[in-house]
Amino acid sequence: MMEECAVAIETIEDNLVKEREKNQSREKSDKEQQKADPLSSENTQEKMKERYADYKQKQQQESAQNVDSILDRVTGEEKYYSTKTQAIKNGWMTKEEVVKLEHLIDSTMTKNEKGIMNG
């Protein structure tokens, strides 16, 4: 009986150790992702594209009858404009580069809309 309890306790301890290691691995991965996520000179252009496209899409989906859609648009807009301000302030992009990026995204979205309507 004592031997069975000892085996059960050992099994439980092993499982706890494995679970703790998994959680630590996940936490480390999450921290690495958070470090990679902030705006930097290396990822500025990609973040700007993502956030501008997200903002424009939410703007198109906005409905005066749906408060959540307005909040989504405002949140997307705020993310984009804070990213834009930080990128220009830090010298990672010029205002001209930002305008070009916005035009590129706008034209891509317009082409996609026409394709959807015509296709």
Protein backbone atom coordinates (compact mmCIF):
# COMPACT_ATOMS: atom_id res chain seq x y z
CA MET A 1 0.00 0.00 0.00
CA MET A 2 2.80 2.41 0.93
CA GLU A 3 4.59 1.54 -2.27
CA GLU A 4 1.48 2.36 -4.34
CA CYS A 5 1.16 5.75 -2.61
CA ALA A 6 4.83 6.49 -3.26
CA VAL A 7 4.40 5.66 -6.96
CA ALA A 8 1.27 7.81 -7.17
CA ILE A 9 3.01 10.73 -5.47
CA GLU A 10 6.01 10.38 -7.78
CA THR A 11 3.70 10.34 -10.83
CA ILE A 12 1.89 13.45 -9.61
CA GLU A 13 5.20 15.22 -8.96
CA ASP A 14 6.45 14.31 -12.45
CA ASN A 15 3.25 15.66 -13.99
CA LEU A 16 3.52 18.87 -11.98
CA VAL A 17 7.12 19.37 -13.07
CA LYS A 18 6.19 18.80 -16.72
CA GLU A 19 3.24 21.21 -16.43
CA ARG A 20 5.43 23.86 -14.79
CA GLU A 21 8.02 23.49 -17.58
CA LYS A 22 5.28 23.86 -20.22
CA ASN A 23 3.98 27.01 -18.53
CA GLN A 24 7.47 28.50 -18.27
CA SER A 25 8.04 27.74 -21.94
CA ARG A 26 4.75 29.43 -22.87
CA GLU A 27 5.59 32.47 -20.72
CA LYS A 28 9.00 32.75 -22.35
CA SER A 29 7.40 32.52 -25.79
CA ASP A 30 4.83 35.18 -24.87
CA LYS A 31 7.56 37.51 -23.60
CA GLU A 32 9.58 37.01 -26.79
CA GLN A 33 6.47 37.82 -28.84
CA GLN A 34 5.85 40.98 -26.80
CA LYS A 35 9.46 42.05 -27.33
CA ALA A 36 9.13 41.46 -31.08
CA ASP A 37 5.77 43.24 -31.31
CA PRO A 38 6.70 46.83 -30.37
CA LEU A 39 7.39 49.20 -33.19
CA SER A 40 11.02 49.32 -34.24
CA SER A 41 12.99 50.62 -37.18
CA GLU A 42 12.99 47.06 -38.60
CA ASN A 43 9.25 46.40 -38.48
CA THR A 44 7.89 49.92 -38.99
CA GLN A 45 6.74 49.50 -42.57
CA GLU A 46 4.98 46.18 -41.89
CA LYS A 47 3.24 47.50 -38.75
CA MET A 48 2.17 50.63 -40.63
CA LYS A 49 0.69 48.53 -43.45
CA GLU A 50 -1.14 46.23 -41.04
CA ARG A 51 -2.54 49.02 -38.89
CA TYR A 52 -3.55 51.27 -41.78
CA ALA A 53 -5.29 48.42 -43.61
CA ASP A 54 -7.03 47.40 -40.38
CA TYR A 55 -8.17 50.97 -39.75
CA LYS A 56 -9.47 51.44 -43.32
CA GLN A 57 -11.30 48.11 -43.25
CA LYS A 58 -12.96 49.00 -39.95
CA GLN A 59 -13.84 52.39 -41.35
CA GLN A 60 -15.65 50.72 -44.26
CA GLN A 61 -17.47 48.36 -41.89
CA GLU A 62 -18.54 51.15 -39.56
CA SER A 63 -22.26 51.66 -39.15
CA ALA A 64 -23.98 54.55 -37.36
CA GLN A 65 -26.46 52.01 -35.97
CA ASN A 66 -23.73 49.82 -34.49
CA VAL A 67 -21.78 51.44 -31.65
CA ASP A 68 -19.30 48.53 -31.54
CA SER A 69 -18.34 49.15 -35.16
CA ILE A 70 -17.65 52.80 -34.35
CA LEU A 71 -15.51 51.79 -31.38
CA ASP A 72 -13.62 49.29 -33.57
CA ARG A 73 -12.91 52.01 -36.13
CA VAL A 74 -11.78 54.52 -33.51
CA THR A 75 -9.51 51.93 -31.90
CA GLY A 76 -8.01 50.99 -35.27
CA GLU A 77 -7.57 54.65 -36.13
CA GLU A 78 -5.84 55.38 -32.83
CA LYS A 79 -3.44 52.43 -33.26
CA TYR A 80 -2.54 53.53 -36.76
CA TYR A 81 -2.04 57.21 -35.97
CA SER A 82 0.04 56.50 -32.84
CA THR A 83 2.21 54.15 -34.93
CA LYS A 84 2.50 56.76 -37.67
CA THR A 85 3.45 59.49 -35.17
CA GLN A 86 6.07 57.29 -33.52
CA ALA A 87 7.55 56.21 -36.87
CA ILE A 88 7.90 59.78 -38.10
CA LYS A 89 9.11 61.12 -34.75
CA ASN A 90 11.84 58.46 -34.54
CA GLY A 91 12.90 59.07 -38.14
CA TRP A 92 12.03 55.52 -39.25
CA MET A 93 9.80 56.82 -42.02
CA THR A 94 9.30 60.19 -43.65
CA LYS A 95 5.91 61.81 -44.13
CA GLU A 96 6.29 61.18 -47.86
CA GLU A 97 6.90 57.46 -47.28
CA VAL A 98 3.81 57.30 -45.08
CA VAL A 99 1.69 58.97 -47.77
CA LYS A 100 2.99 56.50 -50.38
CA LEU A 101 2.21 53.58 -48.08
CA GLU A 102 -1.32 54.90 -47.48
CA HIS A 103 -1.91 55.31 -51.22
CA LEU A 104 -0.61 51.80 -51.87
CA ILE A 105 -2.97 50.29 -49.28
CA ASP A 106 -5.89 52.41 -50.51
CA SER A 107 -5.37 51.35 -54.13
CA THR A 108 -5.01 47.69 -53.13
CA MET A 109 -8.23 47.85 -51.12
CA THR A 110 -10.05 49.59 -53.99
CA LYS A 111 -8.88 46.92 -56.44
CA ASN A 112 -10.04 44.20 -54.06
CA GLU A 113 -13.44 45.85 -53.67
CA LYS A 114 -13.88 46.13 -57.45
CA GLY A 115 -12.84 42.51 -57.82
CA ILE A 116 -15.45 41.45 -55.29
CA MET A 117 -18.16 43.55 -56.93
CA ASN A 118 -17.27 42.38 -60.45
CA GLY A 119 -16.36 38.82 -59.57
